[in-house]
Amino acid sequence: MTALKAVTASTGARRRMVSVAALAAGAALVLSGCGAGQISQTATQVAAVNGNHADIDRISLRNVHIVFPAAGTEYTNAKGGKAIIALSVINNGETVTEELTSISTDLGTVKITPPAGDPTFRIAPQQTVVAATSSTDVTAAKSDEHGAAPSTTTAPSTTTAAPAGDKATVNPEKKPGLIEITGLTKDITPGLAYPVTFNFKQNGTVTVQVPVDAGAMTERHEGQAAATAGEHKGGH
């Protein structure tokens, strides 16, 4: 009688194991059917690119990035064309004014236009100077460069303020400077980073791997991913 019970129990256990395996296989088929032909969100979405940062003695570079070109502007980020480097330069020193004397990169020739009213791209003690981050900023900088009437656009005073830990603050009276790469030697691709060297008069030289802003590509891919997810959710 004991042996019979043992055989019965063993048979029942095997049946339960077969049932569980069948259920798991069925679930796998359902999931694979739903995912057939679907492009995953991580495969299509281009993540927003945060600018890089660097510190050299008392100077801090923040949110350093190459701007994604806006439609209808002279900036194409394509070989032979132009691109913009945007950043905030922070002088954490107490007494000495710093100056960004030059920038070099194998992407092309870099032209620095100082903020309005300054003969050079200088950063006073405990101040932050911003390089153009949008087509509106570029228009303002170019107007001042060519002696045109002053633009009403001013450098942001809060959104580009120094991050926590940096004591310097943005001077709201200054229009942004402009850093252009001209004669591009190659296409500049979103998602990649390119070495750019910044040379300062007092604090020396620092090379930064500068990422490219993904721009409108992020919103486009996010929309495609959301639409695909909605179709599969509705179908199942």
Protein backbone atom coordinates (compact mmCIF):
# COMPACT_ATOMS: atom_id res chain seq x y z
CA MET A 1 0.00 0.00 0.00
CA THR A 2 2.86 2.36 0.75
CA ALA A 3 4.52 1.59 -2.60
CA LEU A 4 1.23 2.32 -4.43
CA LYS A 5 0.92 5.71 -2.76
CA ALA A 6 4.51 6.57 -3.68
CA VAL A 7 3.90 5.69 -7.36
CA THR A 8 0.67 7.71 -7.41
CA ALA A 9 2.38 10.73 -5.85
CA SER A 10 5.25 10.53 -8.32
CA THR A 11 2.84 10.34 -11.27
CA GLY A 12 0.90 13.35 -9.97
CA ALA A 13 4.10 15.40 -9.58
CA ARG A 14 5.14 14.63 -13.16
CA ARG A 15 1.71 15.70 -14.41
CA ARG A 16 1.97 19.02 -12.54
CA MET A 17 5.46 19.63 -13.98
CA VAL A 18 4.20 18.98 -17.53
CA SER A 19 1.28 21.40 -16.98
CA VAL A 20 3.57 24.18 -15.72
CA ALA A 21 5.93 23.70 -18.67
CA ALA A 22 3.02 23.90 -21.12
CA LEU A 23 1.76 27.13 -19.56
CA ALA A 24 5.25 28.69 -19.72
CA ALA A 25 5.63 27.73 -23.39
CA GLY A 26 2.22 29.21 -24.19
CA ALA A 27 3.09 32.48 -22.47
CA ALA A 28 6.36 32.66 -24.42
CA LEU A 29 4.49 32.21 -27.72
CA VAL A 30 2.05 34.99 -26.86
CA LEU A 31 4.83 37.39 -25.94
CA SER A 32 6.88 36.60 -29.02
CA GLY A 33 3.82 37.07 -31.21
CA CYS A 34 3.13 40.49 -29.75
CA GLY A 35 6.74 41.54 -30.23
CA ALA A 36 7.06 40.27 -33.80
CA GLY A 37 8.18 43.07 -36.09
CA GLN A 38 8.37 45.57 -33.24
CA ILE A 39 11.35 47.88 -33.05
CA SER A 40 12.31 48.32 -29.42
CA GLN A 41 12.26 51.82 -27.95
CA THR A 42 15.91 51.60 -26.94
CA ALA A 43 16.88 50.75 -30.51
CA THR A 44 15.22 53.83 -32.06
CA GLN A 45 15.32 56.49 -29.37
CA VAL A 46 18.23 58.89 -29.36
CA ALA A 47 18.68 59.96 -25.75
CA ALA A 48 18.98 63.62 -24.88
CA VAL A 49 22.63 64.55 -24.57
CA ASN A 50 23.79 66.41 -21.50
CA GLY A 51 26.78 68.64 -22.06
CA ASN A 52 30.15 67.62 -20.69
CA HIS A 53 32.06 69.51 -18.00
CA ALA A 54 35.65 70.15 -16.95
CA ASP A 55 37.62 72.07 -14.33
CA ILE A 56 41.04 73.68 -14.69
CA ASP A 57 42.34 75.47 -11.62
CA ARG A 58 39.74 78.17 -10.83
CA ILE A 59 37.89 77.88 -14.13
CA SER A 60 34.91 75.55 -14.64
CA LEU A 61 33.33 74.62 -17.96
CA ARG A 62 29.73 73.50 -17.75
CA ASN A 63 27.19 72.06 -20.22
CA VAL A 64 29.73 71.98 -23.05
CA HIS A 65 28.06 70.66 -26.21
CA ILE A 66 27.74 71.13 -29.95
CA VAL A 67 24.31 72.54 -30.77
CA PHE A 68 22.00 70.55 -33.04
CA PRO A 69 21.38 72.78 -36.10
CA ALA A 70 18.03 74.54 -36.29
CA ALA A 71 16.20 74.61 -39.61
CA GLY A 72 16.67 77.79 -41.63
CA THR A 73 20.02 78.76 -40.05
CA GLU A 74 23.51 78.84 -41.53
CA TYR A 75 24.62 76.04 -39.22
CA THR A 76 24.40 72.59 -40.78
CA ASN A 77 26.87 70.46 -38.78
CA ALA A 78 27.82 68.99 -42.18
CA LYS A 79 31.25 68.75 -43.81
CA GLY A 80 32.29 72.13 -45.20
CA GLY A 81 29.69 73.96 -43.11
CA LYS A 82 29.45 75.47 -39.64
CA ALA A 83 28.57 74.39 -36.11
CA ILE A 84 28.16 76.06 -32.72
CA ILE A 85 29.76 75.13 -29.42
CA ALA A 86 27.63 76.15 -26.44
CA LEU A 87 28.83 76.28 -22.84
CA SER A 88 29.06 78.25 -19.62
CA VAL A 89 32.49 79.40 -18.41
CA ILE A 90 32.69 80.00 -14.67
CA ASN A 91 35.44 81.96 -12.93
CA ASN A 92 35.50 80.74 -9.34
CA GLY A 93 38.46 82.98 -8.50
CA GLU A 94 38.17 85.89 -6.08
CA THR A 95 40.31 88.55 -7.76
CA VAL A 96 41.75 87.62 -11.18
CA THR A 97 39.85 88.11 -14.46
CA GLU A 98 40.31 85.20 -16.87
CA GLU A 99 40.25 85.19 -20.68
CA LEU A 100 39.39 82.43 -23.14
CA THR A 101 42.12 83.12 -25.70
CA SER A 102 41.55 80.34 -28.25
CA ILE A 103 39.88 77.02 -28.96
CA SER A 104 41.22 74.27 -31.21
CA THR A 105 39.75 71.11 -32.68
CA ASP A 106 40.35 68.88 -35.70
CA LEU A 107 36.72 69.51 -36.68
CA GLY A 108 37.68 72.87 -38.24
CA THR A 109 38.67 76.45 -37.45
CA VAL A 110 37.13 77.93 -34.30
CA LYS A 111 36.04 81.57 -34.21
CA ILE A 112 35.30 83.20 -30.84
CA THR A 113 33.00 86.23 -30.67
CA PRO A 114 33.08 87.86 -27.20
CA PRO A 115 29.89 88.83 -25.37
CA ALA A 116 28.51 92.26 -26.22
CA GLY A 117 30.63 95.14 -24.97
CA ASP A 118 33.77 93.07 -24.36
CA PRO A 119 36.85 93.21 -26.61
CA THR A 120 37.77 89.66 -25.56
CA PHE A 121 36.01 86.61 -24.17
CA ARG A 122 36.82 87.49 -20.58
CA ILE A 123 35.32 86.13 -17.36
CA ALA A 124 35.41 88.38 -14.32
CA PRO A 125 35.92 86.92 -10.84
CA GLN A 126 32.83 85.18 -9.48
CA GLN A 127 31.07 85.51 -12.83
CA THR A 128 29.75 83.12 -15.50
CA VAL A 129 29.90 83.92 -19.22
CA VAL A 130 27.65 82.01 -21.59
CA ALA A 131 28.29 81.10 -25.23
CA ALA A 132 25.24 81.04 -27.49
CA THR A 133 22.95 78.06 -27.07
CA SER A 134 20.21 78.85 -29.64
CA SER A 135 19.62 80.56 -32.98
CA THR A 136 18.18 83.55 -31.09
CA ASP A 137 21.39 83.91 -29.12
CA VAL A 138 23.41 83.68 -32.34
CA THR A 139 21.39 86.48 -33.92
CA ALA A 140 22.04 88.70 -30.91
CA ALA A 141 25.75 87.95 -30.89
CA LYS A 142 26.16 88.59 -34.62
CA SER A 143 24.21 91.87 -34.41
CA ASP A 144 26.60 93.17 -31.77
CA GLU A 145 29.63 91.85 -33.68
CA HIS A 146 28.73 93.85 -36.79
CA GLY A 147 27.72 96.99 -34.93
CA ALA A 148 24.00 96.68 -35.53
CA ALA A 149 21.35 97.93 -33.16
CA PRO A 150 21.43 96.08 -29.82
CA SER A 151 19.17 93.09 -29.60
CA THR A 152 16.63 92.71 -26.81
CA THR A 153 17.78 89.13 -26.25
CA THR A 154 19.95 88.73 -23.17
CA ALA A 155 21.87 85.84 -21.77
CA PRO A 156 19.75 83.68 -19.45
CA SER A 157 20.31 84.61 -15.82
CA THR A 158 18.77 81.64 -14.05
CA THR A 159 18.69 78.58 -16.30
CA THR A 160 22.42 78.87 -17.05
CA ALA A 161 23.52 79.83 -13.57
CA ALA A 162 26.43 77.98 -12.03
CA PRO A 163 25.53 74.53 -10.66
CA ALA A 164 25.60 73.80 -6.96
CA GLY A 165 29.15 74.01 -5.70
CA ASP A 166 30.17 76.74 -8.13
CA LYS A 167 29.99 80.16 -6.52
CA ALA A 168 30.03 82.31 -9.66
CA THR A 169 26.83 83.81 -11.07
CA VAL A 170 25.71 84.89 -14.53
CA ASN A 171 25.83 88.59 -15.34
CA PRO A 172 22.29 89.24 -16.69
CA GLU A 173 23.39 92.44 -18.47
CA LYS A 174 25.67 90.61 -20.88
CA LYS A 175 24.48 89.14 -24.15
CA PRO A 176 25.95 85.71 -24.90
CA GLY A 177 29.20 85.18 -26.70
CA LEU A 178 29.45 82.98 -29.78
CA ILE A 179 31.77 80.06 -30.53
CA GLU A 180 31.64 78.83 -34.13
CA ILE A 181 33.44 75.97 -35.86
CA THR A 182 33.84 76.88 -39.54
CA GLY A 183 34.99 74.81 -42.50
CA LEU A 184 33.97 71.53 -40.89
CA THR A 185 36.30 68.68 -41.88
CA LYS A 186 33.60 66.05 -41.36
CA ASP A 187 29.91 65.62 -40.60
CA ILE A 188 29.10 66.09 -36.92
CA THR A 189 26.87 63.25 -35.72
CA PRO A 190 24.46 63.33 -32.75
CA GLY A 191 25.37 60.78 -30.10
CA LEU A 192 29.11 61.12 -30.64
CA ALA A 193 31.67 63.26 -28.79
CA TYR A 194 34.59 65.18 -30.26
CA PRO A 195 37.78 66.44 -28.57
CA VAL A 196 37.96 70.22 -28.24
CA THR A 197 40.80 72.10 -26.50
CA PHE A 198 40.14 75.33 -24.59
CA ASN A 199 43.05 77.69 -23.92
CA PHE A 200 42.90 80.20 -21.06
CA LYS A 201 45.29 83.06 -20.41
CA GLN A 202 45.78 82.44 -16.69
CA ASN A 203 44.61 78.91 -15.97
CA GLY A 204 46.08 77.00 -18.90
CA THR A 205 44.61 74.41 -21.26
CA VAL A 206 41.97 71.71 -20.97
CA THR A 207 40.66 69.23 -23.56
CA VAL A 208 37.01 68.21 -23.36
CA GLN A 209 35.16 65.41 -25.14
CA VAL A 210 32.25 67.49 -26.43
CA PRO A 211 28.98 65.65 -27.14
CA VAL A 212 26.46 66.65 -29.80
CA ASP A 213 22.97 67.75 -28.84
CA ALA A 214 20.42 65.25 -30.22
CA GLY A 215 17.96 68.08 -30.93
CA ALA A 216 14.59 67.24 -32.47
CA MET A 217 15.66 63.65 -33.22
CA THR A 218 14.85 62.70 -29.63
CA GLU A 219 11.25 63.88 -29.86
CA ARG A 220 10.77 62.18 -33.25
CA HIS A 221 12.01 58.78 -32.08
CA GLU A 222 10.10 59.03 -28.81
CA GLY A 223 6.92 59.65 -30.83
CA GLN A 224 7.59 56.63 -33.05
CA ALA A 225 8.24 54.39 -30.05
CA ALA A 226 5.07 55.57 -28.29
CA ALA A 227 2.98 54.92 -31.41
CA THR A 228 4.40 51.41 -31.80
CA ALA A 229 3.77 50.61 -28.15
CA GLY A 230 0.18 51.85 -28.48
CA GLU A 231 -0.51 49.63 -31.47
CA HIS A 232 0.69 46.50 -29.68
CA LYS A 233 -1.16 47.39 -26.49
CA GLY A 234 -4.39 47.82 -28.40
CA GLY A 235 -3.86 44.55 -30.29
CA HIS A 236 -3.45 42.49 -27.11
